[in-house]
Amino acid sequence: MFEELRELSQTFIRIKFEQFRRYFIETTPLKHRFSIILGERGIGKTTTLIQYLLDSTDQNPLSEKILYIQADHFLMGKTTLYDIAETFWKLGGKVIAFDEIHKYPNWSMELKSIYDTFIDLKILASGSSALEIHKGSHDLTRRAIVYRMYGLSLREFIGLKYKLQLQSYNLDQMVSDHTKLAFNIIKQLETQNLKILKLFKEYLEYGYYPYFRIFESVDEFKLTVEQNLHTALESDLVAIYPHLTGNSIKKIKQLITFIAQAVPFTPNWQAIKKLTDIGDDRTLKTYFNYLQDASIIQGLESGSDKMKRIEVPEKIFLANTNQLYSYCTMHPNAGTIRETFFLSSFRPFYTIMTARETDFLVEKKYYFEIGGKNKGAKQLRQQDKGYLALDDIGHGVGKRIPLWLFGFLY
């Protein structure tokens, strides 16, 4: 049995290896003995796990020091995670990776036992964004460090599709030197006859998920995004919350349909209950939490001290612009696309909230108003650190920053 799993591991490592490296692996060394990577379906967690394994063996896919296990493979029905880890450790194994861990029953108990028993074995695991590692009797929070992984940034999309490696910048660099940064990026793109505004539009529609490369048409990509949503609800979510019934999933799908057509919006529980036939506030809020944990939606809190005491998010958005293009029955609103992009670009590394007079407050000090190229700065009159993030401009001056530049935050 173990030899079958080892051969399967070597096959997976060979087939799924990618040269392109995500921001995550470049910025997160995973030095701790037990690391869990969470993220939604299709953002590249498997590829990242395999790259970490190969990095630990000088890129040798046949090394007996590493092992990749797909937790939902049918062979797992004949053994356990613990038995695999024990055999691997006895044979001199050093790093073991468990992929799609949320699909395996009692995963937390077995990973806890593996960690406690084989003290010189390094454990990597990946799972759904909704994975609840903080709950249950087999609490892993004192043992594992949990990381959240996100989809491609605009910078990564350009690197993956056009093989052009560009630098990322932090927010302080962007607000203080955005004109120079934008010019430098545009100049580098011109060496390959690429135009940033065209690339930005491509990214907004199909650039968040790395699997865009395997499809010949954008329509096929959008269909896959929608199918992955159904899989996340019907398979991943049910694996994590077994109490969810078919009727529960049906109502959650109705809720997503409502959200996709209404974003961005401030939740009104009474109105939403009537539209989705969900009986009570508690159930509705629970469903919203499920969707947010699963990276299907993102809630935005208010920057107002008064509103912070209220548990309802100030605004609800879909998690990224590719979802907007895939879930909406009509072409999504330009303003919604811009705001969703801005929010999803900042979410991995920065604190972002709504603001009273502008669209967003970042890191509690930078105020941003989002709009098209002709938008005025009326809302920024009261803000020393207020900026316009504008669509359809290649570069900006002063407080006018091109919206696309925030796709280079990671």
Protein backbone atom coordinates (compact mmCIF):
# COMPACT_ATOMS: atom_id res chain seq x y z
CA MET A 1 0.00 0.00 0.00
CA PHE A 2 2.69 2.50 0.98
CA GLU A 3 4.67 1.85 -2.22
CA GLU A 4 1.51 2.59 -4.23
CA LEU A 5 1.15 5.88 -2.40
CA ARG A 6 4.83 6.73 -2.94
CA GLU A 7 4.53 6.06 -6.68
CA LEU A 8 1.35 8.13 -6.77
CA SER A 9 3.16 10.93 -4.94
CA GLN A 10 5.99 10.95 -7.47
CA THR A 11 3.49 10.99 -10.33
CA PHE A 12 1.54 13.91 -8.86
CA ILE A 13 4.72 15.88 -8.19
CA ARG A 14 5.91 15.37 -11.76
CA ILE A 15 2.56 16.21 -13.39
CA LYS A 16 1.54 19.16 -11.22
CA PHE A 17 4.92 20.89 -10.94
CA GLU A 18 5.01 24.46 -12.28
CA GLN A 19 8.00 26.72 -12.82
CA PHE A 20 5.98 29.85 -12.05
CA ARG A 21 6.09 30.69 -8.35
CA ARG A 22 3.31 32.56 -6.59
CA TYR A 23 3.80 35.48 -4.21
CA PHE A 24 2.93 33.10 -1.38
CA ILE A 25 5.93 30.83 -1.77
CA GLU A 26 8.25 33.80 -2.31
CA THR A 27 7.14 35.56 0.88
CA THR A 28 6.20 32.68 3.21
CA PRO A 29 9.06 30.30 4.11
CA LEU A 30 6.92 27.86 6.18
CA LYS A 31 9.74 27.23 8.64
CA HIS A 32 7.42 25.95 11.35
CA ARG A 33 7.11 22.16 11.66
CA PHE A 34 3.36 22.18 11.01
CA SER A 35 1.81 24.59 8.47
CA ILE A 36 -1.69 24.68 7.00
CA ILE A 37 -2.48 26.63 3.83
CA LEU A 38 -6.11 27.66 3.40
CA GLY A 39 -7.62 29.07 0.24
CA GLU A 40 -10.47 28.70 -2.17
CA ARG A 41 -10.60 26.07 -4.88
CA GLY A 42 -8.40 26.70 -7.91
CA ILE A 43 -5.95 29.33 -6.65
CA GLY A 44 -2.87 27.07 -6.75
CA LYS A 45 -2.52 25.47 -3.31
CA THR A 46 -1.53 22.07 -4.76
CA THR A 47 1.17 23.59 -6.95
CA THR A 48 2.49 25.54 -3.98
CA LEU A 49 2.66 22.44 -1.77
CA ILE A 50 4.61 20.59 -4.45
CA GLN A 51 7.03 23.49 -4.87
CA TYR A 52 7.67 23.51 -1.12
CA LEU A 53 8.35 19.76 -1.19
CA LEU A 54 10.81 20.09 -4.06
CA ASP A 55 12.54 23.06 -2.43
CA SER A 56 13.36 20.80 0.52
CA THR A 57 15.09 18.20 -1.71
CA ASP A 58 17.06 20.29 -4.23
CA GLN A 59 14.21 19.85 -6.76
CA ASN A 60 14.41 16.04 -6.79
CA PRO A 61 10.90 14.64 -7.47
CA LEU A 62 12.08 11.07 -6.78
CA SER A 63 13.48 11.83 -3.35
CA GLU A 64 12.31 9.45 -0.63
CA LYS A 65 12.51 12.32 1.88
CA ILE A 66 9.25 13.88 0.63
CA LEU A 67 5.71 12.57 0.20
CA TYR A 68 2.60 14.16 -1.32
CA ILE A 69 -0.76 12.70 -0.26
CA GLN A 70 -4.09 13.62 -1.83
CA ALA A 71 -6.42 13.20 1.13
CA ASP A 72 -9.51 12.52 -1.00
CA HIS A 73 -7.89 9.82 -3.20
CA PHE A 74 -9.72 6.47 -3.18
CA LEU A 75 -6.62 4.67 -1.85
CA MET A 76 -7.09 6.59 1.40
CA GLY A 77 -10.08 4.36 2.12
CA LYS A 78 -7.63 1.51 2.81
CA THR A 79 -5.37 3.30 5.28
CA THR A 80 -5.10 6.33 7.56
CA LEU A 81 -3.10 9.54 7.59
CA TYR A 82 -1.38 8.39 10.76
CA ASP A 83 -0.35 5.00 9.32
CA ILE A 84 1.05 6.68 6.20
CA ALA A 85 3.02 9.19 8.27
CA GLU A 86 4.34 6.45 10.56
CA THR A 87 5.61 4.30 7.67
CA PHE A 88 7.08 7.34 5.91
CA TRP A 89 8.87 8.44 9.09
CA LYS A 90 10.27 4.96 9.76
CA LEU A 91 11.70 4.93 6.23
CA GLY A 92 13.53 8.19 6.85
CA GLY A 93 10.95 10.62 5.46
CA LYS A 94 11.32 14.29 6.37
CA VAL A 95 8.49 16.34 4.82
CA ILE A 96 4.92 15.12 4.20
CA ALA A 97 2.17 17.15 2.52
CA PHE A 98 -1.55 16.39 2.84
CA ASP A 99 -3.66 18.07 0.15
CA GLU A 100 -7.43 18.71 0.37
CA ILE A 101 -7.32 17.74 4.03
CA HIS A 102 -10.91 18.81 4.72
CA LYS A 103 -12.12 15.86 2.64
CA TYR A 104 -10.71 13.36 5.15
CA PRO A 105 -12.80 12.36 8.21
CA ASN A 106 -11.20 13.10 11.60
CA TRP A 107 -8.35 14.89 9.90
CA SER A 108 -7.63 17.16 12.89
CA MET A 109 -7.30 14.25 15.33
CA GLU A 110 -4.88 12.38 13.09
CA LEU A 111 -2.77 15.42 12.24
CA LYS A 112 -2.54 16.25 15.94
CA SER A 113 -1.32 12.71 16.66
CA ILE A 114 1.19 12.82 13.80
CA TYR A 115 2.58 16.12 15.07
CA ASP A 116 2.84 14.92 18.67
CA THR A 117 4.37 11.51 17.82
CA PHE A 118 6.89 12.12 15.03
CA ILE A 119 8.69 15.15 16.36
CA ASP A 120 11.23 15.49 13.54
CA LEU A 121 8.67 15.15 10.72
CA LYS A 122 7.63 18.36 8.97
CA ILE A 123 3.92 18.51 8.09
CA LEU A 124 2.31 20.62 5.38
CA ALA A 125 -1.42 20.60 4.70
CA SER A 126 -3.89 22.46 2.51
CA GLY A 127 -7.62 22.82 2.70
CA SER A 128 -10.71 24.78 1.84
CA SER A 129 -10.99 28.41 2.90
CA ALA A 130 -13.87 27.36 5.13
CA LEU A 131 -11.78 24.82 7.02
CA GLU A 132 -12.50 25.18 10.75
CA ILE A 133 -9.24 24.36 12.46
CA HIS A 134 -10.12 26.42 15.52
CA LYS A 135 -13.10 24.27 16.49
CA GLY A 136 -13.53 20.74 17.77
CA SER A 137 -11.94 18.70 20.51
CA HIS A 138 -8.72 18.16 18.56
CA ASP A 139 -7.66 21.79 18.55
CA LEU A 140 -4.66 22.46 16.32
CA THR A 141 -4.23 26.16 16.99
CA ARG A 142 -1.37 25.57 19.46
CA ARG A 143 0.42 23.30 17.00
CA ALA A 144 -0.15 24.54 13.47
CA ILE A 145 0.47 27.93 11.92
CA VAL A 146 -2.35 28.70 9.52
CA TYR A 147 -1.79 30.76 6.38
CA ARG A 148 -4.38 32.07 3.94
CA MET A 149 -3.59 32.06 0.24
CA TYR A 150 -5.33 34.23 -2.35
CA GLY A 151 -5.71 34.26 -6.11
CA LEU A 152 -3.42 35.89 -8.64
CA SER A 153 -2.69 39.60 -8.47
CA LEU A 154 -2.52 41.59 -11.70
CA ARG A 155 1.28 41.44 -11.45
CA GLU A 156 1.23 37.65 -11.13
CA PHE A 157 -1.27 37.30 -13.97
CA ILE A 158 1.08 39.20 -16.28
CA GLY A 159 3.99 37.06 -15.12
CA LEU A 160 2.12 33.81 -15.65
CA LYS A 161 0.52 34.62 -19.01
CA TYR A 162 3.22 36.74 -20.63
CA LYS A 163 6.37 35.45 -18.86
CA LEU A 164 7.29 38.95 -17.73
CA GLN A 165 8.54 39.25 -14.16
CA LEU A 166 7.62 42.56 -12.58
CA GLN A 167 8.28 43.94 -9.11
CA SER A 168 5.64 44.36 -6.40
CA TYR A 169 5.36 47.48 -4.23
CA ASN A 170 3.88 48.34 -0.86
CA LEU A 171 1.17 50.91 -0.27
CA ASP A 172 3.48 53.63 1.07
CA GLN A 173 5.59 53.39 -2.09
CA MET A 174 2.51 53.67 -4.28
CA VAL A 175 1.01 56.77 -2.68
CA SER A 176 4.36 58.59 -2.54
CA ASP A 177 5.86 57.61 -5.90
CA HIS A 178 3.05 56.20 -8.06
CA THR A 179 3.88 58.27 -11.15
CA LYS A 180 7.40 56.87 -11.39
CA LEU A 181 6.27 53.32 -10.57
CA ALA A 182 3.56 53.37 -13.24
CA PHE A 183 5.97 54.73 -15.88
CA ASN A 184 8.52 52.02 -15.08
CA ILE A 185 5.93 49.24 -15.34
CA ILE A 186 4.55 50.61 -18.60
CA LYS A 187 8.08 50.87 -20.02
CA GLN A 188 8.81 47.22 -19.16
CA LEU A 189 5.55 46.11 -20.75
CA GLU A 190 6.36 48.00 -23.94
CA THR A 191 9.43 45.80 -24.44
CA GLN A 192 6.94 43.04 -25.31
CA ASN A 193 4.40 45.33 -27.02
CA LEU A 194 1.99 44.99 -24.10
CA LYS A 195 -0.46 47.69 -22.96
CA ILE A 196 -1.35 47.88 -19.28
CA LEU A 197 -5.00 48.90 -19.69
CA LYS A 198 -5.65 45.97 -22.02
CA LEU A 199 -3.95 43.58 -19.59
CA PHE A 200 -5.97 45.03 -16.73
CA LYS A 201 -9.25 44.35 -18.51
CA GLU A 202 -8.12 40.78 -19.22
CA TYR A 203 -7.25 40.28 -15.56
CA LEU A 204 -10.56 41.63 -14.29
CA GLU A 205 -12.47 39.13 -16.42
CA TYR A 206 -10.37 35.97 -16.16
CA GLY A 207 -7.03 36.57 -14.42
CA TYR A 208 -7.62 35.75 -10.74
CA TYR A 209 -7.48 31.95 -11.05
CA PRO A 210 -4.31 30.34 -12.50
CA TYR A 211 -6.32 27.73 -14.39
CA PHE A 212 -7.34 30.32 -17.00
CA ARG A 213 -4.47 28.94 -19.11
CA ILE A 214 -6.11 25.59 -19.82
CA PHE A 215 -9.15 27.04 -21.61
CA GLU A 216 -9.43 28.14 -25.21
CA SER A 217 -12.26 30.57 -24.51
CA VAL A 218 -13.23 32.95 -21.72
CA ASP A 219 -16.71 31.41 -21.67
CA GLU A 220 -15.22 28.03 -20.73
CA PHE A 221 -13.28 29.71 -17.94
CA LYS A 222 -16.40 31.41 -16.59
CA LEU A 223 -18.32 28.15 -16.66
CA THR A 224 -15.56 26.51 -14.62
CA VAL A 225 -15.63 29.33 -12.05
CA GLU A 226 -19.36 28.76 -11.67
CA GLN A 227 -18.92 24.98 -11.46
CA ASN A 228 -16.25 25.40 -8.79
CA LEU A 229 -18.74 27.44 -6.79
CA HIS A 230 -21.20 24.54 -6.86
CA THR A 231 -18.43 22.11 -5.88
CA ALA A 232 -17.37 24.34 -3.00
CA LEU A 233 -20.95 24.34 -1.70
CA GLU A 234 -21.99 20.75 -2.42
CA SER A 235 -18.69 19.05 -1.56
CA ASP A 236 -16.27 21.22 0.43
CA LEU A 237 -18.82 22.97 2.63
CA VAL A 238 -20.75 19.77 3.34
CA ALA A 239 -17.50 17.97 4.23
CA ILE A 240 -16.79 20.64 6.84
CA TYR A 241 -20.37 21.11 8.07
CA PRO A 242 -22.04 17.67 7.75
CA HIS A 243 -25.29 18.98 9.26
CA LEU A 244 -26.01 20.96 6.08
CA THR A 245 -28.88 19.37 4.16
CA GLY A 246 -29.76 19.51 0.50
CA ASN A 247 -32.36 22.14 1.34
CA SER A 248 -29.73 24.19 3.20
CA ILE A 249 -27.42 24.14 0.16
CA LYS A 250 -30.34 25.14 -2.06
CA LYS A 251 -31.03 28.18 0.11
CA ILE A 252 -27.35 29.12 0.19
CA LYS A 253 -27.34 29.02 -3.62
CA GLN A 254 -30.39 31.28 -3.66
CA LEU A 255 -28.52 33.63 -1.36
CA ILE A 256 -25.51 33.71 -3.71
CA THR A 257 -27.80 34.48 -6.66
CA PHE A 258 -29.22 37.41 -4.72
CA ILE A 259 -25.76 38.62 -3.67
CA ALA A 260 -24.33 38.41 -7.20
CA GLN A 261 -27.05 40.69 -8.58
CA ALA A 262 -27.02 43.13 -5.64
CA VAL A 263 -23.36 43.70 -4.72
CA PRO A 264 -22.14 45.88 -3.23
CA PHE A 265 -24.87 46.30 -0.63
CA THR A 266 -25.47 46.82 3.08
CA PRO A 267 -27.16 43.72 4.52
CA ASN A 268 -30.80 44.12 5.48
CA TRP A 269 -31.63 40.79 7.12
CA GLN A 270 -35.40 41.21 6.95
CA ALA A 271 -35.43 42.01 3.24
CA ILE A 272 -32.97 39.22 2.39
CA LYS A 273 -34.98 36.65 4.36
CA LYS A 274 -38.07 37.43 2.31
CA LEU A 275 -36.21 37.19 -1.00
CA THR A 276 -34.40 33.93 -0.17
CA ASP A 277 -37.01 32.15 1.98
CA ILE A 278 -34.57 31.76 4.88
CA GLY A 279 -36.49 31.61 8.12
CA ASP A 280 -34.51 33.43 10.80
CA ASP A 281 -31.73 35.96 11.29
CA ARG A 282 -29.37 33.51 12.96
CA THR A 283 -29.49 31.04 10.05
CA LEU A 284 -29.05 33.82 7.51
CA LYS A 285 -26.02 35.26 9.32
CA THR A 286 -24.54 31.76 9.61
CA TYR A 287 -24.90 31.28 5.85
CA PHE A 288 -23.19 34.63 5.25
CA ASN A 289 -20.32 33.53 7.50
CA TYR A 290 -20.00 30.26 5.55
CA LEU A 291 -19.76 32.17 2.27
CA GLN A 292 -17.20 34.59 3.65
CA ASP A 293 -15.07 31.80 5.15
CA ALA A 294 -15.21 30.01 1.79
CA SER A 295 -13.91 33.14 -0.04
CA ILE A 296 -17.11 33.47 -2.05
CA ILE A 297 -17.99 36.85 -0.58
CA GLN A 298 -16.07 39.46 1.38
CA GLY A 299 -17.59 41.68 4.03
CA LEU A 300 -16.34 45.19 4.62
CA GLU A 301 -16.53 46.73 8.08
CA SER A 302 -17.23 50.37 8.77
CA GLY A 303 -14.40 52.70 9.71
CA SER A 304 -16.80 54.54 12.01
CA ASP A 305 -16.31 53.88 15.73
CA LYS A 306 -20.08 53.87 16.21
CA MET A 307 -20.64 51.21 13.56
CA LYS A 308 -17.89 48.90 14.88
CA ARG A 309 -20.19 47.81 17.69
CA ILE A 310 -22.68 46.46 15.17
CA GLU A 311 -21.99 42.93 13.91
CA VAL A 312 -23.48 43.51 10.45
CA PRO A 313 -20.85 44.28 7.75
CA GLU A 314 -21.23 47.73 6.29
CA LYS A 315 -20.98 46.32 2.75
CA ILE A 316 -20.93 42.93 1.06
CA PHE A 317 -18.92 42.23 -2.12
CA LEU A 318 -18.12 39.13 -4.13
CA ALA A 319 -14.58 37.98 -3.43
CA ASN A 320 -13.04 38.91 -6.80
CA THR A 321 -13.92 40.35 -10.19
CA ASN A 322 -13.77 37.00 -12.02
CA GLN A 323 -16.72 35.91 -9.89
CA LEU A 324 -18.61 39.04 -10.93
CA TYR A 325 -18.17 38.21 -14.60
CA SER A 326 -19.04 34.54 -14.04
CA TYR A 327 -22.01 34.74 -11.66
CA CYS A 328 -23.84 37.80 -12.96
CA THR A 329 -26.44 37.22 -15.66
CA MET A 330 -25.70 40.65 -17.17
CA HIS A 331 -22.43 42.54 -17.63
CA PRO A 332 -21.43 43.72 -14.15
CA ASN A 333 -21.55 47.40 -13.28
CA ALA A 334 -18.27 49.24 -13.89
CA GLY A 335 -18.29 50.80 -10.43
CA THR A 336 -18.80 47.41 -8.80
CA ILE A 337 -15.92 45.92 -10.81
CA ARG A 338 -13.58 48.73 -9.74
CA GLU A 339 -14.47 48.54 -6.05
CA THR A 340 -14.29 44.73 -5.98
CA PHE A 341 -10.83 44.80 -7.57
CA PHE A 342 -9.61 47.44 -5.13
CA LEU A 343 -10.89 45.51 -2.12
CA SER A 344 -9.55 42.12 -3.24
CA SER A 345 -6.13 43.65 -4.01
CA PHE A 346 -5.75 45.02 -0.48
CA ARG A 347 -7.38 42.18 1.44
CA PRO A 348 -4.32 39.86 1.72
CA PHE A 349 -2.02 42.34 3.50
CA TYR A 350 -3.89 45.46 4.58
CA THR A 351 -6.74 46.52 6.84
CA ILE A 352 -9.50 48.05 4.74
CA MET A 353 -12.84 49.54 5.81
CA THR A 354 -15.59 51.80 4.55
CA ALA A 355 -15.25 55.52 5.23
CA ARG A 356 -17.89 58.18 5.83
CA GLU A 357 -16.90 60.53 3.00
CA THR A 358 -14.93 58.22 0.68
CA ASP A 359 -15.25 54.66 -0.59
CA PHE A 360 -12.45 53.07 1.45
CA LEU A 361 -10.18 53.67 4.44
CA VAL A 362 -6.92 51.67 4.30
CA GLU A 363 -4.70 51.05 7.33
CA LYS A 364 -6.78 53.68 9.17
CA LYS A 365 -4.88 56.51 7.48
CA TYR A 366 -5.31 56.47 3.69
CA TYR A 367 -8.67 57.47 2.19
CA PHE A 368 -9.55 56.32 -1.32
CA GLU A 369 -12.30 57.26 -3.71
CA ILE A 370 -12.72 54.91 -6.68
CA GLY A 371 -13.95 55.99 -10.11
CA GLY A 372 -13.43 56.56 -13.81
CA LYS A 373 -10.80 58.84 -15.32
CA ASN A 374 -12.98 61.97 -15.10
CA LYS A 375 -13.90 61.61 -11.43
CA GLY A 376 -13.32 64.74 -9.34
CA ALA A 377 -11.75 65.05 -5.91
CA LYS A 378 -14.71 66.65 -4.09
CA GLN A 379 -14.89 63.89 -1.44
CA LEU A 380 -11.20 64.31 -0.62
CA ARG A 381 -11.31 67.96 0.45
CA GLN A 382 -11.31 67.06 4.14
CA GLN A 383 -8.57 64.42 3.87
CA ASP A 384 -4.84 65.21 3.79
CA LYS A 385 -4.15 61.58 2.94
CA GLY A 386 -6.96 61.19 0.44
CA TYR A 387 -6.44 59.75 -3.05
CA LEU A 388 -8.37 58.95 -6.20
CA ALA A 389 -7.93 55.43 -7.62
CA LEU A 390 -8.95 55.93 -11.24
CA ASP A 391 -9.78 53.48 -13.99
CA ASP A 392 -8.83 53.98 -17.65
CA ILE A 393 -5.65 55.99 -16.99
CA GLY A 394 -2.14 54.71 -17.63
CA HIS A 395 -0.44 56.89 -15.05
CA GLY A 396 -1.46 59.62 -12.64
CA VAL A 397 -0.19 62.79 -10.99
CA GLY A 398 -0.49 63.95 -7.39
CA LYS A 399 -3.52 62.41 -5.73
CA ARG A 400 -4.70 60.72 -8.95
CA ILE A 401 -3.42 57.12 -8.91
CA PRO A 402 -4.17 54.60 -11.68
CA LEU A 403 -6.45 51.87 -10.34
CA TRP A 404 -4.49 49.09 -12.06
CA LEU A 405 -1.36 49.93 -10.04
CA PHE A 406 -2.93 48.38 -6.93
CA GLY A 407 -2.66 45.06 -8.73
CA PHE A 408 1.05 45.24 -7.90
CA LEU A 409 0.67 45.09 -4.11
CA TYR A 410 1.71 41.42 -4.20
